[in-house]
Amino acid sequence: MAEKANITKKDIVEDISLRTGLTQVETKTIIEKFLDALVKGLLQGSNIEIRGFGRFKLKERKERTARNPRTGEIVTINAGTKPVFEASKELIKSLNEVVAAAEAAAAPIESDGK
C-alpha cells in the first residue's frame, strides 16, 4: 500500500463541513470539544469506547534502561503513562476488506498462455 500524506485536523474540519453544511468554525468547535472530552475522560482514568471504531485507554510503562544509539551510553527511561488506541474488530475487518479489494483491483491479470 502506498504511503499517503497525513490528514490534519484542518482536513477533517473541511471534509465534515462540506458533508454536513456546517461552517468550518462550527465544525472545528465540535471536533475540538470532542477531543477535549477524550482527554478529560483519559485524565479521569476512564477508557473511551466508541463502538465499531475502537477504544482509547492509558497504558502504564515501567521504568527501563535503554542505549543511546549515537553514543552507546546506557540511559534510564522513567516510568510513565501513555495513551493508546485499540481498533475494534469491526474497524479492522472493514479496513482489511478495503485493502484486499484495492490490492485485487491493482493486481495484474495472469494469463494462462492461451
N, C-alpha and C. Protein backbone atom coordinates (compact mmCIF):
# COMPACT_ATOMS: atom_id res chain seq x y z
N MET A 1 0.85 -1.18 0.00
CA MET A 1 0.00 0.00 0.00
C MET A 1 0.89 1.23 0.00
N ALA A 2 0.62 2.18 -0.87
CA ALA A 2 1.45 3.37 -0.99
C ALA A 2 1.27 4.28 0.22
N GLU A 3 2.35 4.95 0.58
CA GLU A 3 2.29 5.85 1.73
C GLU A 3 1.56 7.13 1.31
N LYS A 4 0.66 7.57 2.14
CA LYS A 4 -0.15 8.76 1.87
C LYS A 4 0.28 9.88 2.80
N ALA A 5 -0.07 11.10 2.41
CA ALA A 5 0.21 12.25 3.27
C ALA A 5 -0.67 12.18 4.51
N ASN A 6 -0.21 12.78 5.58
CA ASN A 6 -1.00 12.83 6.81
C ASN A 6 -2.26 13.65 6.60
N ILE A 7 -3.32 13.27 7.28
CA ILE A 7 -4.55 14.05 7.28
C ILE A 7 -4.53 14.87 8.55
N THR A 8 -4.71 16.17 8.42
CA THR A 8 -4.66 17.07 9.56
C THR A 8 -6.07 17.37 10.08
N LYS A 9 -6.11 17.99 11.25
CA LYS A 9 -7.40 18.40 11.81
C LYS A 9 -8.10 19.35 10.83
N LYS A 10 -7.34 20.20 10.18
CA LYS A 10 -7.92 21.14 9.21
C LYS A 10 -8.58 20.38 8.07
N ASP A 11 -7.93 19.31 7.58
CA ASP A 11 -8.51 18.50 6.51
C ASP A 11 -9.83 17.87 6.96
N ILE A 12 -9.85 17.37 8.19
CA ILE A 12 -11.05 16.75 8.73
C ILE A 12 -12.17 17.78 8.86
N VAL A 13 -11.83 18.96 9.36
CA VAL A 13 -12.82 20.04 9.50
C VAL A 13 -13.41 20.38 8.14
N GLU A 14 -12.56 20.54 7.13
CA GLU A 14 -13.06 20.89 5.79
C GLU A 14 -13.99 19.81 5.24
N ASP A 15 -13.61 18.53 5.40
CA ASP A 15 -14.40 17.43 4.88
C ASP A 15 -15.77 17.36 5.58
N ILE A 16 -15.77 17.41 6.90
CA ILE A 16 -17.04 17.32 7.63
C ILE A 16 -17.91 18.54 7.35
N SER A 17 -17.29 19.70 7.25
CA SER A 17 -18.04 20.92 6.95
C SER A 17 -18.75 20.81 5.60
N LEU A 18 -18.04 20.31 4.60
CA LEU A 18 -18.65 20.15 3.27
C LEU A 18 -19.78 19.14 3.29
N ARG A 19 -19.63 18.06 4.05
CA ARG A 19 -20.63 16.99 4.05
C ARG A 19 -21.83 17.28 4.93
N THR A 20 -21.69 18.21 5.89
CA THR A 20 -22.80 18.48 6.80
C THR A 20 -23.48 19.82 6.56
N GLY A 21 -22.80 20.71 5.86
CA GLY A 21 -23.37 22.04 5.67
C GLY A 21 -23.08 22.98 6.82
N LEU A 22 -22.37 22.49 7.85
CA LEU A 22 -21.96 23.37 8.95
C LEU A 22 -20.80 24.23 8.48
N THR A 23 -20.61 25.36 9.13
CA THR A 23 -19.46 26.18 8.79
C THR A 23 -18.20 25.50 9.32
N GLN A 24 -17.06 25.90 8.78
CA GLN A 24 -15.81 25.34 9.27
C GLN A 24 -15.56 25.73 10.72
N VAL A 25 -15.99 26.92 11.12
CA VAL A 25 -15.82 27.35 12.51
C VAL A 25 -16.66 26.46 13.43
N GLU A 26 -17.91 26.20 13.06
CA GLU A 26 -18.77 25.33 13.87
C GLU A 26 -18.19 23.91 13.94
N THR A 27 -17.75 23.41 12.81
CA THR A 27 -17.20 22.06 12.74
C THR A 27 -15.94 21.95 13.58
N LYS A 28 -15.06 22.95 13.49
CA LYS A 28 -13.82 22.94 14.27
C LYS A 28 -14.13 22.94 15.76
N THR A 29 -15.12 23.72 16.16
CA THR A 29 -15.51 23.77 17.57
C THR A 29 -15.99 22.40 18.05
N ILE A 30 -16.80 21.73 17.25
CA ILE A 30 -17.31 20.41 17.62
C ILE A 30 -16.17 19.41 17.74
N ILE A 31 -15.26 19.42 16.79
CA ILE A 31 -14.13 18.48 16.82
C ILE A 31 -13.25 18.75 18.03
N GLU A 32 -12.99 20.02 18.32
CA GLU A 32 -12.15 20.36 19.48
C GLU A 32 -12.84 19.94 20.79
N LYS A 33 -14.14 20.11 20.88
CA LYS A 33 -14.87 19.69 22.08
C LYS A 33 -14.84 18.17 22.23
N PHE A 34 -14.95 17.47 21.10
CA PHE A 34 -14.86 16.00 21.12
C PHE A 34 -13.49 15.57 21.64
N LEU A 35 -12.43 16.18 21.12
CA LEU A 35 -11.07 15.83 21.56
C LEU A 35 -10.86 16.21 23.02
N ASP A 36 -11.41 17.34 23.44
CA ASP A 36 -11.33 17.73 24.86
C ASP A 36 -11.99 16.69 25.75
N ALA A 37 -13.15 16.17 25.30
CA ALA A 37 -13.86 15.15 26.08
C ALA A 37 -13.04 13.87 26.18
N LEU A 38 -12.35 13.50 25.09
CA LEU A 38 -11.48 12.33 25.12
C LEU A 38 -10.37 12.51 26.15
N VAL A 39 -9.71 13.65 26.09
CA VAL A 39 -8.60 13.92 27.02
C VAL A 39 -9.11 13.93 28.46
N LYS A 40 -10.23 14.59 28.69
CA LYS A 40 -10.80 14.67 30.04
C LYS A 40 -11.10 13.28 30.58
N GLY A 41 -11.70 12.43 29.74
CA GLY A 41 -12.00 11.07 30.17
C GLY A 41 -10.75 10.29 30.50
N LEU A 42 -9.72 10.41 29.67
CA LEU A 42 -8.46 9.72 29.95
C LEU A 42 -7.81 10.22 31.23
N LEU A 43 -7.85 11.54 31.44
CA LEU A 43 -7.28 12.10 32.66
C LEU A 43 -8.00 11.61 33.91
N GLN A 44 -9.28 11.30 33.77
CA GLN A 44 -10.06 10.77 34.89
C GLN A 44 -9.85 9.27 35.06
N GLY A 45 -9.04 8.67 34.19
CA GLY A 45 -8.75 7.26 34.29
C GLY A 45 -9.73 6.36 33.56
N SER A 46 -10.60 6.95 32.78
CA SER A 46 -11.61 6.16 32.05
C SER A 46 -11.07 5.70 30.70
N ASN A 47 -11.57 4.56 30.24
CA ASN A 47 -11.36 4.15 28.86
C ASN A 47 -12.45 4.81 28.04
N ILE A 48 -12.13 5.23 26.83
CA ILE A 48 -13.11 5.85 25.95
C ILE A 48 -13.42 4.86 24.84
N GLU A 49 -14.64 4.33 24.83
CA GLU A 49 -15.01 3.32 23.84
C GLU A 49 -16.00 3.91 22.86
N ILE A 50 -15.66 3.79 21.58
CA ILE A 50 -16.54 4.22 20.50
C ILE A 50 -16.88 2.95 19.72
N ARG A 51 -18.07 2.42 19.94
CA ARG A 51 -18.46 1.13 19.36
C ARG A 51 -18.30 1.15 17.85
N GLY A 52 -17.72 0.08 17.33
CA GLY A 52 -17.50 -0.04 15.89
C GLY A 52 -16.24 0.68 15.42
N PHE A 53 -15.59 1.42 16.30
CA PHE A 53 -14.37 2.16 15.93
C PHE A 53 -13.19 1.69 16.75
N GLY A 54 -13.28 1.84 18.07
CA GLY A 54 -12.18 1.39 18.90
C GLY A 54 -12.24 1.98 20.29
N ARG A 55 -11.12 1.80 21.01
CA ARG A 55 -11.07 2.23 22.40
C ARG A 55 -9.75 2.97 22.65
N PHE A 56 -9.86 4.09 23.34
CA PHE A 56 -8.70 4.84 23.80
C PHE A 56 -8.52 4.52 25.28
N LYS A 57 -7.29 4.24 25.68
CA LYS A 57 -7.05 3.96 27.09
C LYS A 57 -5.63 4.38 27.44
N LEU A 58 -5.34 4.37 28.73
CA LEU A 58 -4.00 4.69 29.20
C LEU A 58 -3.25 3.40 29.51
N LYS A 59 -1.98 3.38 29.20
CA LYS A 59 -1.16 2.21 29.47
C LYS A 59 0.04 2.66 30.30
N GLU A 60 0.28 1.94 31.38
CA GLU A 60 1.41 2.23 32.25
C GLU A 60 2.69 1.63 31.66
N ARG A 61 3.76 2.40 31.66
CA ARG A 61 5.06 1.89 31.23
C ARG A 61 5.99 1.84 32.43
N LYS A 62 6.69 0.73 32.56
CA LYS A 62 7.64 0.58 33.66
C LYS A 62 8.93 1.32 33.33
N GLU A 63 9.67 1.65 34.39
CA GLU A 63 10.99 2.23 34.19
C GLU A 63 11.87 1.18 33.53
N ARG A 64 12.71 1.62 32.60
CA ARG A 64 13.57 0.66 31.92
C ARG A 64 14.87 1.34 31.50
N THR A 65 15.83 0.53 31.13
CA THR A 65 17.09 1.07 30.63
C THR A 65 17.12 0.88 29.13
N ALA A 66 17.81 1.81 28.47
CA ALA A 66 17.95 1.75 27.02
C ALA A 66 19.35 2.26 26.67
N ARG A 67 19.69 2.13 25.42
CA ARG A 67 21.00 2.58 24.97
C ARG A 67 20.81 3.70 23.94
N ASN A 68 21.52 4.81 24.14
CA ASN A 68 21.50 5.90 23.18
C ASN A 68 22.23 5.39 21.92
N PRO A 69 21.56 5.33 20.77
CA PRO A 69 22.18 4.77 19.58
C PRO A 69 23.37 5.59 19.06
N ARG A 70 23.40 6.87 19.34
CA ARG A 70 24.51 7.71 18.86
C ARG A 70 25.77 7.53 19.70
N THR A 71 25.57 7.50 21.01
CA THR A 71 26.73 7.49 21.90
C THR A 71 27.00 6.13 22.52
N GLY A 72 26.01 5.24 22.49
CA GLY A 72 26.16 3.94 23.13
C GLY A 72 25.94 4.01 24.63
N GLU A 73 25.70 5.20 25.16
CA GLU A 73 25.51 5.40 26.59
C GLU A 73 24.20 4.73 27.04
N ILE A 74 24.26 4.07 28.20
CA ILE A 74 23.06 3.47 28.78
C ILE A 74 22.32 4.55 29.57
N VAL A 75 21.02 4.70 29.28
CA VAL A 75 20.21 5.71 29.95
C VAL A 75 19.00 5.04 30.58
N THR A 76 18.46 5.69 31.62
CA THR A 76 17.25 5.20 32.27
C THR A 76 16.06 5.98 31.73
N ILE A 77 15.04 5.26 31.32
CA ILE A 77 13.81 5.88 30.86
C ILE A 77 12.81 5.72 31.99
N ASN A 78 12.29 6.84 32.48
CA ASN A 78 11.39 6.85 33.62
C ASN A 78 10.07 6.14 33.30
N ALA A 79 9.44 5.65 34.34
CA ALA A 79 8.11 5.07 34.22
C ALA A 79 7.15 6.18 33.81
N GLY A 80 6.09 5.82 33.17
CA GLY A 80 5.13 6.83 32.76
C GLY A 80 3.85 6.21 32.25
N THR A 81 2.98 7.05 31.80
CA THR A 81 1.70 6.65 31.25
C THR A 81 1.61 7.17 29.84
N LYS A 82 1.09 6.34 28.94
CA LYS A 82 0.91 6.80 27.57
C LYS A 82 -0.48 6.42 27.09
N PRO A 83 -1.07 7.26 26.25
CA PRO A 83 -2.37 6.92 25.69
C PRO A 83 -2.17 5.94 24.53
N VAL A 84 -3.07 4.98 24.41
CA VAL A 84 -3.02 4.02 23.31
C VAL A 84 -4.42 3.88 22.71
N PHE A 85 -4.45 3.46 21.45
CA PHE A 85 -5.71 3.23 20.76
C PHE A 85 -5.75 1.78 20.33
N GLU A 86 -6.86 1.11 20.62
CA GLU A 86 -7.09 -0.26 20.19
C GLU A 86 -8.27 -0.24 19.22
N ALA A 87 -8.02 -0.61 17.98
CA ALA A 87 -9.08 -0.63 16.98
C ALA A 87 -10.07 -1.75 17.29
N SER A 88 -11.34 -1.52 16.97
CA SER A 88 -12.37 -2.54 17.17
C SER A 88 -12.25 -3.62 16.10
N LYS A 89 -12.83 -4.78 16.37
CA LYS A 89 -12.82 -5.86 15.39
C LYS A 89 -13.51 -5.41 14.10
N GLU A 90 -14.58 -4.63 14.24
CA GLU A 90 -15.32 -4.15 13.07
C GLU A 90 -14.45 -3.24 12.21
N LEU A 91 -13.70 -2.33 12.84
CA LEU A 91 -12.83 -1.42 12.09
C LEU A 91 -11.73 -2.20 11.38
N ILE A 92 -11.12 -3.14 12.08
CA ILE A 92 -10.05 -3.94 11.49
C ILE A 92 -10.58 -4.73 10.29
N LYS A 93 -11.74 -5.36 10.46
CA LYS A 93 -12.33 -6.14 9.37
C LYS A 93 -12.63 -5.24 8.17
N SER A 94 -13.21 -4.08 8.41
CA SER A 94 -13.56 -3.15 7.35
C SER A 94 -12.31 -2.67 6.60
N LEU A 95 -11.27 -2.31 7.34
CA LEU A 95 -10.04 -1.85 6.70
C LEU A 95 -9.40 -2.97 5.88
N ASN A 96 -9.38 -4.18 6.42
CA ASN A 96 -8.80 -5.30 5.69
C ASN A 96 -9.56 -5.60 4.40
N GLU A 97 -10.89 -5.47 4.43
CA GLU A 97 -11.70 -5.69 3.23
C GLU A 97 -11.39 -4.65 2.16
N VAL A 98 -11.26 -3.39 2.57
CA VAL A 98 -10.96 -2.32 1.62
C VAL A 98 -9.57 -2.52 1.02
N VAL A 99 -8.59 -2.86 1.85
CA VAL A 99 -7.22 -3.08 1.36
C VAL A 99 -7.19 -4.27 0.41
N ALA A 100 -7.87 -5.36 0.76
CA ALA A 100 -7.88 -6.54 -0.09
C ALA A 100 -8.53 -6.23 -1.44
N ALA A 101 -9.61 -5.46 -1.44
CA ALA A 101 -10.28 -5.09 -2.69
C ALA A 101 -9.37 -4.21 -3.54
N ALA A 102 -8.67 -3.28 -2.91
CA ALA A 102 -7.76 -2.40 -3.65
C ALA A 102 -6.59 -3.18 -4.24
N GLU A 103 -6.07 -4.13 -3.47
CA GLU A 103 -4.97 -4.96 -3.97
C GLU A 103 -5.44 -5.86 -5.10
N ALA A 104 -6.64 -6.40 -5.00
CA ALA A 104 -7.17 -7.25 -6.06
C ALA A 104 -7.38 -6.44 -7.34
N ALA A 105 -7.85 -5.20 -7.21
CA ALA A 105 -8.07 -4.37 -8.37
C ALA A 105 -6.76 -3.96 -9.03
N ALA A 106 -5.70 -3.85 -8.25
CA ALA A 106 -4.40 -3.41 -8.77
C ALA A 106 -3.56 -4.57 -9.28
N ALA A 107 -3.93 -5.80 -8.92
CA ALA A 107 -3.13 -6.97 -9.30
C ALA A 107 -3.24 -7.19 -10.81
N PRO A 108 -2.13 -7.52 -11.45
CA PRO A 108 -2.19 -7.80 -12.90
C PRO A 108 -2.97 -9.09 -13.15
N ILE A 109 -3.65 -9.12 -14.25
CA ILE A 109 -4.41 -10.31 -14.63
C ILE A 109 -3.43 -11.32 -15.21
N GLU A 110 -3.43 -12.52 -14.63
CA GLU A 110 -2.49 -13.56 -15.08
C GLU A 110 -3.05 -14.28 -16.28
N SER A 111 -2.20 -14.48 -17.24
CA SER A 111 -2.57 -15.21 -18.45
C SER A 111 -2.13 -16.65 -18.31
N ASP A 112 -2.95 -17.57 -18.80
CA ASP A 112 -2.57 -18.98 -18.73
C ASP A 112 -1.87 -19.44 -20.00
N GLY A 113 -1.49 -18.48 -20.86
CA GLY A 113 -0.71 -18.79 -22.04
C GLY A 113 -1.52 -19.20 -23.25
N LYS A 114 -2.84 -19.08 -23.19
CA LYS A 114 -3.67 -19.47 -24.34
C LYS A 114 -4.00 -18.30 -25.21
